[in-house]
């Protein structure tokens, strides 16, 4: 996980907030996936173990916030 990805996710959340669409916060992401808010923050900022599950969750989050890769 790189800081560029964390920055990209946060920028997308800010964009969504300006546009008035969901998700526009890490809380929205946590509620959508049934995760805790601190865990979502750790995922986005790269503070969790680099595993297959982590990569899968990050891919789901990127898709949910609107990142096309």
PDB file of N, CA and C in Angstrom:
ATOM      1  N   UNK A   1       0.846  -1.181   0.000  1.00  0.00           N
ATOM      2  CA  UNK A   1       0.000   0.000   0.000  1.00  0.00           C
ATOM      3  C   UNK A   1       0.882   1.230   0.000  1.00  0.00           C
ATOM      4  N   UNK A   2       0.627   2.111  -0.931  1.00  0.00           N
ATOM      5  CA  UNK A   2       1.422   3.330  -1.015  1.00  0.00           C
ATOM      6  C   UNK A   2       0.593   4.520  -0.548  1.00  0.00           C
ATOM      7  N   UNK A   3       1.296   5.585  -0.215  1.00  0.00           N
ATOM      8  CA  UNK A   3       0.589   6.797   0.201  1.00  0.00           C
ATOM      9  C   UNK A   3      -0.197   7.402  -0.952  1.00  0.00           C
ATOM     10  N   UNK A   4       0.217   7.155  -2.185  1.00  0.00           N
ATOM     11  CA  UNK A   4      -0.526   7.668  -3.317  1.00  0.00           C
ATOM     12  C   UNK A   4      -1.943   7.103  -3.344  1.00  0.00           C
ATOM     13  N   UNK A   5      -2.086   5.836  -3.007  1.00  0.00           N
ATOM     14  CA  UNK A   5      -3.411   5.226  -2.980  1.00  0.00           C
ATOM     15  C   UNK A   5      -4.255   5.836  -1.866  1.00  0.00           C
ATOM     16  N   UNK A   6      -3.676   6.014  -0.694  1.00  0.00           N
ATOM     17  CA  UNK A   6      -4.400   6.628   0.417  1.00  0.00           C
ATOM     18  C   UNK A   6      -4.846   8.029   0.040  1.00  0.00           C
ATOM     19  N   UNK A   7      -3.960   8.796  -0.578  1.00  0.00           N
ATOM     20  CA  UNK A   7      -4.307  10.152  -1.014  1.00  0.00           C
ATOM     21  C   UNK A   7      -5.405  10.123  -2.064  1.00  0.00           C
ATOM     22  N   UNK A   8      -5.338   9.193  -2.983  1.00  0.00           N
ATOM     23  CA  UNK A   8      -6.349   9.078  -4.034  1.00  0.00           C
ATOM     24  C   UNK A   8      -7.712   8.765  -3.452  1.00  0.00           C
ATOM     25  N   UNK A   9      -7.753   7.855  -2.502  1.00  0.00           N
ATOM     26  CA  UNK A   9      -9.029   7.503  -1.863  1.00  0.00           C
ATOM     27  C   UNK A   9      -9.599   8.717  -1.141  1.00  0.00           C
ATOM     28  N   UNK A  10      -8.774   9.422  -0.401  1.00  0.00           N
ATOM     29  CA  UNK A  10      -9.255  10.586   0.333  1.00  0.00           C
ATOM     30  C   UNK A  10      -9.714  11.699  -0.606  1.00  0.00           C
ATOM     31  N   UNK A  11      -9.024  11.876  -1.718  1.00  0.00           N
ATOM     32  CA  UNK A  11      -9.448  12.871  -2.699  1.00  0.00           C
ATOM     33  C   UNK A  11     -10.797  12.490  -3.298  1.00  0.00           C
ATOM     34  N   UNK A  12     -10.995  11.215  -3.583  1.00  0.00           N
ATOM     35  CA  UNK A  12     -12.281  10.758  -4.117  1.00  0.00           C
ATOM     36  C   UNK A  12     -13.400  10.980  -3.103  1.00  0.00           C
ATOM     37  N   UNK A  13     -13.113  10.746  -1.831  1.00  0.00           N
ATOM     38  CA  UNK A  13     -14.126  10.988  -0.804  1.00  0.00           C
ATOM     39  C   UNK A  13     -14.487  12.472  -0.728  1.00  0.00           C
ATOM     40  N   UNK A  14     -13.476  13.333  -0.837  1.00  0.00           N
ATOM     41  CA  UNK A  14     -13.738  14.781  -0.827  1.00  0.00           C
ATOM     42  C   UNK A  14     -14.538  15.197  -2.057  1.00  0.00           C
ATOM     43  N   UNK A  15     -14.212  14.617  -3.207  1.00  0.00           N
ATOM     44  CA  UNK A  15     -14.957  14.907  -4.432  1.00  0.00           C
ATOM     45  C   UNK A  15     -16.420  14.499  -4.270  1.00  0.00           C
ATOM     46  N   UNK A  16     -16.633  13.303  -3.736  1.00  0.00           N
ATOM     47  CA  UNK A  16     -17.994  12.822  -3.530  1.00  0.00           C
ATOM     48  C   UNK A  16     -18.764  13.729  -2.568  1.00  0.00           C
ATOM     49  N   UNK A  17     -18.075  14.217  -1.537  1.00  0.00           N
ATOM     50  CA  UNK A  17     -18.730  15.103  -0.575  1.00  0.00           C
ATOM     51  C   UNK A  17     -19.162  16.400  -1.244  1.00  0.00           C
ATOM     52  N   UNK A  18     -18.294  16.961  -2.089  1.00  0.00           N
ATOM     53  CA  UNK A  18     -18.650  18.192  -2.811  1.00  0.00           C
ATOM     54  C   UNK A  18     -19.828  17.966  -3.740  1.00  0.00           C
ATOM     55  N   UNK A  19     -19.890  16.773  -4.331  1.00  0.00           N
ATOM     56  CA  UNK A  19     -20.962  16.453  -5.272  1.00  0.00           C
ATOM     57  C   UNK A  19     -22.232  15.985  -4.561  1.00  0.00           C
ATOM     58  N   UNK A  20     -22.138  15.730  -3.265  1.00  0.00           N
ATOM     59  CA  UNK A  20     -23.286  15.306  -2.487  1.00  0.00           C
ATOM     60  C   UNK A  20     -23.686  13.857  -2.703  1.00  0.00           C
ATOM     61  N   UNK A  21     -22.695  13.004  -3.039  1.00  0.00           N
ATOM     62  CA  UNK A  21     -22.983  11.584  -3.255  1.00  0.00           C
ATOM     63  C   UNK A  21     -22.239  10.745  -2.228  1.00  0.00           C
ATOM     64  N   UNK A  22     -22.692   9.532  -2.070  1.00  0.00           N
ATOM     65  CA  UNK A  22     -22.068   8.587  -1.144  1.00  0.00           C
ATOM     66  C   UNK A  22     -21.145   7.669  -1.911  1.00  0.00           C
ATOM     67  N   UNK A  23     -20.077   7.189  -1.359  1.00  0.00           N
ATOM     68  CA  UNK A  23     -19.563   7.473  -0.032  1.00  0.00           C
ATOM     69  C   UNK A  23     -18.803   8.784  -0.020  1.00  0.00           C
ATOM     70  N   UNK A  24     -18.921   9.497   1.068  1.00  0.00           N
ATOM     71  CA  UNK A  24     -18.154  10.730   1.181  1.00  0.00           C
ATOM     72  C   UNK A  24     -17.345  10.776   2.473  1.00  0.00           C
ATOM     73  N   UNK A  25     -17.251   9.630   3.151  1.00  0.00           N
ATOM     74  CA  UNK A  25     -16.428   9.560   4.365  1.00  0.00           C
ATOM     75  C   UNK A  25     -16.001   8.116   4.618  1.00  0.00           C
ATOM     76  N   UNK A  26     -15.027   7.984   5.487  1.00  0.00           N
ATOM     77  CA  UNK A  26     -14.589   6.651   5.868  1.00  0.00           C
ATOM     78  C   UNK A  26     -15.689   5.929   6.631  1.00  0.00           C
ATOM     79  N   UNK A  27     -16.548   6.675   7.319  1.00  0.00           N
ATOM     80  CA  UNK A  27     -17.680   6.080   8.022  1.00  0.00           C
ATOM     81  C   UNK A  27     -18.638   5.429   7.040  1.00  0.00           C
ATOM     82  N   UNK A  28     -18.880   6.081   5.906  1.00  0.00           N
ATOM     83  CA  UNK A  28     -19.738   5.493   4.881  1.00  0.00           C
ATOM     84  C   UNK A  28     -19.159   4.170   4.376  1.00  0.00           C
ATOM     85  N   UNK A  29     -17.849   4.148   4.188  1.00  0.00           N
ATOM     86  CA  UNK A  29     -17.181   2.918   3.739  1.00  0.00           C
ATOM     87  C   UNK A  29     -17.340   1.827   4.795  1.00  0.00           C
ATOM     88  N   UNK A  30     -17.103   2.174   6.061  1.00  0.00           N
ATOM     89  CA  UNK A  30     -17.214   1.204   7.150  1.00  0.00           C
ATOM     90  C   UNK A  30     -18.624   0.639   7.228  1.00  0.00           C
ATOM     91  N   UNK A  31     -19.623   1.495   7.132  1.00  0.00           N
ATOM     92  CA  UNK A  31     -21.011   1.037   7.212  1.00  0.00           C
ATOM     93  C   UNK A  31     -21.377   0.153   6.020  1.00  0.00           C
ATOM     94  N   UNK A  32     -20.909   0.506   4.832  1.00  0.00           N
ATOM     95  CA  UNK A  32     -21.231  -0.264   3.629  1.00  0.00           C
ATOM     96  C   UNK A  32     -20.677  -1.689   3.698  1.00  0.00           C
ATOM     97  N   UNK A  33     -19.451  -1.833   4.177  1.00  0.00           N
ATOM     98  CA  UNK A  33     -18.809  -3.142   4.215  1.00  0.00           C
ATOM     99  C   UNK A  33     -18.945  -3.848   5.561  1.00  0.00           C
ATOM    100  N   UNK A  34     -19.573  -3.207   6.536  1.00  0.00           N
ATOM    101  CA  UNK A  34     -19.738  -3.829   7.852  1.00  0.00           C
ATOM    102  C   UNK A  34     -18.437  -3.928   8.619  1.00  0.00           C
ATOM    103  N   UNK A  35     -17.567  -2.954   8.438  1.00  0.00           N
ATOM    104  CA  UNK A  35     -16.274  -2.935   9.109  1.00  0.00           C
ATOM    105  C   UNK A  35     -16.265  -1.839  10.169  1.00  0.00           C
ATOM    106  N   UNK A  36     -15.304  -1.898  11.063  1.00  0.00           N
ATOM    107  CA  UNK A  36     -15.175  -0.830  12.055  1.00  0.00           C
ATOM    108  C   UNK A  36     -14.488   0.371  11.419  1.00  0.00           C
ATOM    109  N   UNK A  37     -14.804   1.549  11.942  1.00  0.00           N
ATOM    110  CA  UNK A  37     -14.208   2.780  11.414  1.00  0.00           C
ATOM    111  C   UNK A  37     -12.687   2.801  11.576  1.00  0.00           C
ATOM    112  N   UNK A  38     -12.152   2.377  12.739  1.00  0.00           N
ATOM    113  CA  UNK A  38     -10.687   2.363  12.862  1.00  0.00           C
ATOM    114  C   UNK A  38     -10.013   1.410  11.866  1.00  0.00           C
ATOM    115  N   UNK A  39     -10.653   0.267  11.593  1.00  0.00           N
ATOM    116  CA  UNK A  39     -10.074  -0.685  10.645  1.00  0.00           C
ATOM    117  C   UNK A  39     -10.035  -0.107   9.238  1.00  0.00           C
ATOM    118  N   UNK A  40     -11.092   0.589   8.845  1.00  0.00           N
ATOM    119  CA  UNK A  40     -11.117   1.218   7.520  1.00  0.00           C
ATOM    120  C   UNK A  40      -9.998   2.249   7.424  1.00  0.00           C
ATOM    121  N   UNK A  41      -9.811   3.023   8.471  1.00  0.00           N
ATOM    122  CA  UNK A  41      -8.728   4.009   8.478  1.00  0.00           C
ATOM    123  C   UNK A  41      -7.377   3.332   8.347  1.00  0.00           C
ATOM    124  N   UNK A  42      -7.178   2.236   9.061  1.00  0.00           N
ATOM    125  CA  UNK A  42      -5.913   1.502   8.986  1.00  0.00           C
ATOM    126  C   UNK A  42      -5.713   0.906   7.598  1.00  0.00           C
ATOM    127  N   UNK A  43      -6.775   0.396   6.994  1.00  0.00           N
ATOM    128  CA  UNK A  43      -6.680  -0.141   5.627  1.00  0.00           C
ATOM    129  C   UNK A  43      -6.239   0.946   4.654  1.00  0.00           C
ATOM    130  N   UNK A  44      -6.909   2.076   4.709  1.00  0.00           N
ATOM    131  CA  UNK A  44      -6.627   3.154   3.764  1.00  0.00           C
ATOM    132  C   UNK A  44      -5.214   3.690   3.948  1.00  0.00           C
ATOM    133  N   UNK A  45      -4.772   3.780   5.186  1.00  0.00           N
ATOM    134  CA  UNK A  45      -3.445   4.346   5.456  1.00  0.00           C
ATOM    135  C   UNK A  45      -2.327   3.319   5.462  1.00  0.00           C
ATOM    136  N   UNK A  46      -2.631   2.059   5.144  1.00  0.00           N
ATOM    137  CA  UNK A  46      -1.599   1.032   5.007  1.00  0.00           C
ATOM    138  C   UNK A  46      -1.012   0.528   6.295  1.00  0.00           C
ATOM    139  N   UNK A  47      -1.801   0.512   7.352  1.00  0.00           N
ATOM    140  CA  UNK A  47      -1.291   0.068   8.650  1.00  0.00           C
ATOM    141  C   UNK A  47      -1.747  -1.335   9.024  1.00  0.00           C
ATOM    142  N   UNK A  48      -2.108  -2.132   8.024  1.00  0.00           N
ATOM    143  CA  UNK A  48      -2.495  -3.526   8.271  1.00  0.00           C
ATOM    144  C   UNK A  48      -1.562  -4.427   7.482  1.00  0.00           C
ATOM    145  N   UNK A  49      -1.533  -5.679   7.866  1.00  0.00           N
ATOM    146  CA  UNK A  49      -0.659  -6.640   7.193  1.00  0.00           C
ATOM    147  C   UNK A  49      -1.011  -6.737   5.707  1.00  0.00           C
ATOM    148  N   UNK A  50      -0.003  -6.875   4.892  1.00  0.00           N
ATOM    149  CA  UNK A  50      -0.196  -6.984   3.452  1.00  0.00           C
ATOM    150  C   UNK A  50      -0.542  -8.436   3.112  1.00  0.00           C
ATOM    151  N   UNK A  51      -1.841  -8.698   3.026  1.00  0.00           N
ATOM    152  CA  UNK A  51      -2.297 -10.063   2.751  1.00  0.00           C
ATOM    153  C   UNK A  51      -3.269 -10.046   1.572  1.00  0.00           C
ATOM    154  N   UNK A  52      -3.682 -11.215   1.172  1.00  0.00           N
ATOM    155  CA  UNK A  52      -4.648 -11.330   0.074  1.00  0.00           C
ATOM    156  C   UNK A  52      -5.959 -10.664   0.464  1.00  0.00           C
ATOM    157  N   UNK A  53      -6.393 -10.867   1.720  1.00  0.00           N
ATOM    158  CA  UNK A  53      -7.635 -10.264   2.190  1.00  0.00           C
ATOM    159  C   UNK A  53      -7.541  -8.738   2.189  1.00  0.00           C
ATOM    160  N   UNK A  54      -6.391  -8.202   2.585  1.00  0.00           N
ATOM    161  CA  UNK A  54      -6.195  -6.761   2.587  1.00  0.00           C
ATOM    162  C   UNK A  54      -6.301  -6.203   1.173  1.00  0.00           C
ATOM    163  N   UNK A  55      -5.645  -6.867   0.222  1.00  0.00           N
ATOM    164  CA  UNK A  55      -5.704  -6.419  -1.164  1.00  0.00           C
ATOM    165  C   UNK A  55      -7.124  -6.478  -1.703  1.00  0.00           C
ATOM    166  N   UNK A  56      -7.854  -7.531  -1.333  1.00  0.00           N
ATOM    167  CA  UNK A  56      -9.243  -7.679  -1.773  1.00  0.00           C
ATOM    168  C   UNK A  56     -10.103  -6.542  -1.220  1.00  0.00           C
ATOM    169  N   UNK A  57      -9.949  -6.264   0.065  1.00  0.00           N
ATOM    170  CA  UNK A  57     -10.715  -5.171   0.693  1.00  0.00           C
ATOM    171  C   UNK A  57     -10.392  -3.831   0.043  1.00  0.00           C
ATOM    172  N   UNK A  58      -9.120  -3.580  -0.202  1.00  0.00           N
ATOM    173  CA  UNK A  58      -8.729  -2.317  -0.825  1.00  0.00           C
ATOM    174  C   UNK A  58      -9.304  -2.189  -2.230  1.00  0.00           C
ATOM    175  N   UNK A  59      -9.316  -3.281  -2.981  1.00  0.00           N
ATOM    176  CA  UNK A  59      -9.913  -3.256  -4.316  1.00  0.00           C
ATOM    177  C   UNK A  59     -11.398  -2.946  -4.234  1.00  0.00           C
ATOM    178  N   UNK A  60     -12.091  -3.539  -3.253  1.00  0.00           N
ATOM    179  CA  UNK A  60     -13.514  -3.267  -3.065  1.00  0.00           C
ATOM    180  C   UNK A  60     -13.747  -1.804  -2.686  1.00  0.00           C
ATOM    181  N   UNK A  61     -12.895  -1.273  -1.807  1.00  0.00           N
ATOM    182  CA  UNK A  61     -13.025   0.121  -1.379  1.00  0.00           C
ATOM    183  C   UNK A  61     -12.769   1.058  -2.557  1.00  0.00           C
ATOM    184  N   UNK A  62     -11.720   0.760  -3.342  1.00  0.00           N
ATOM    185  CA  UNK A  62     -11.421   1.609  -4.504  1.00  0.00           C
ATOM    186  C   UNK A  62     -12.604   1.639  -5.474  1.00  0.00           C
ATOM    187  N   UNK A  63     -13.192   0.493  -5.709  1.00  0.00           N
ATOM    188  CA  UNK A  63     -14.337   0.416  -6.613  1.00  0.00           C
ATOM    189  C   UNK A  63     -15.521   1.194  -6.047  1.00  0.00           C
ATOM    190  N   UNK A  64     -15.753   1.076  -4.750  1.00  0.00           N
ATOM    191  CA  UNK A  64     -16.876   1.737  -4.090  1.00  0.00           C
ATOM    192  C   UNK A  64     -16.755   3.262  -4.123  1.00  0.00           C
ATOM    193  N   UNK A  65     -15.526   3.785  -3.909  1.00  0.00           N
ATOM    194  CA  UNK A  65     -15.375   5.245  -3.905  1.00  0.00           C
ATOM    195  C   UNK A  65     -15.265   5.828  -5.304  1.00  0.00           C
ATOM    196  N   UNK A  66     -15.063   4.985  -6.315  1.00  0.00           N
ATOM    197  CA  UNK A  66     -15.060   5.473  -7.687  1.00  0.00           C
ATOM    198  C   UNK A  66     -13.702   5.612  -8.331  1.00  0.00           C
ATOM    199  N   UNK A  67     -12.748   4.817  -7.887  1.00  0.00           N
ATOM    200  CA  UNK A  67     -11.420   4.848  -8.494  1.00  0.00           C
ATOM    201  C   UNK A  67     -11.383   3.806  -9.621  1.00  0.00           C
ATOM    202  N   UNK A  68     -11.081   4.259 -10.815  1.00  0.00           N
ATOM    203  CA  UNK A  68     -10.951   3.358 -11.968  1.00  0.00           C
ATOM    204  C   UNK A  68      -9.478   3.090 -12.219  1.00  0.00           C
ATOM    205  N   UNK A  69      -9.078   1.826 -12.140  1.00  0.00           N
ATOM    206  CA  UNK A  69      -7.686   1.485 -12.423  1.00  0.00           C
ATOM    207  C   UNK A  69      -7.640   0.386 -13.433  1.00  0.00           C
TER     208      UNK A  69
END
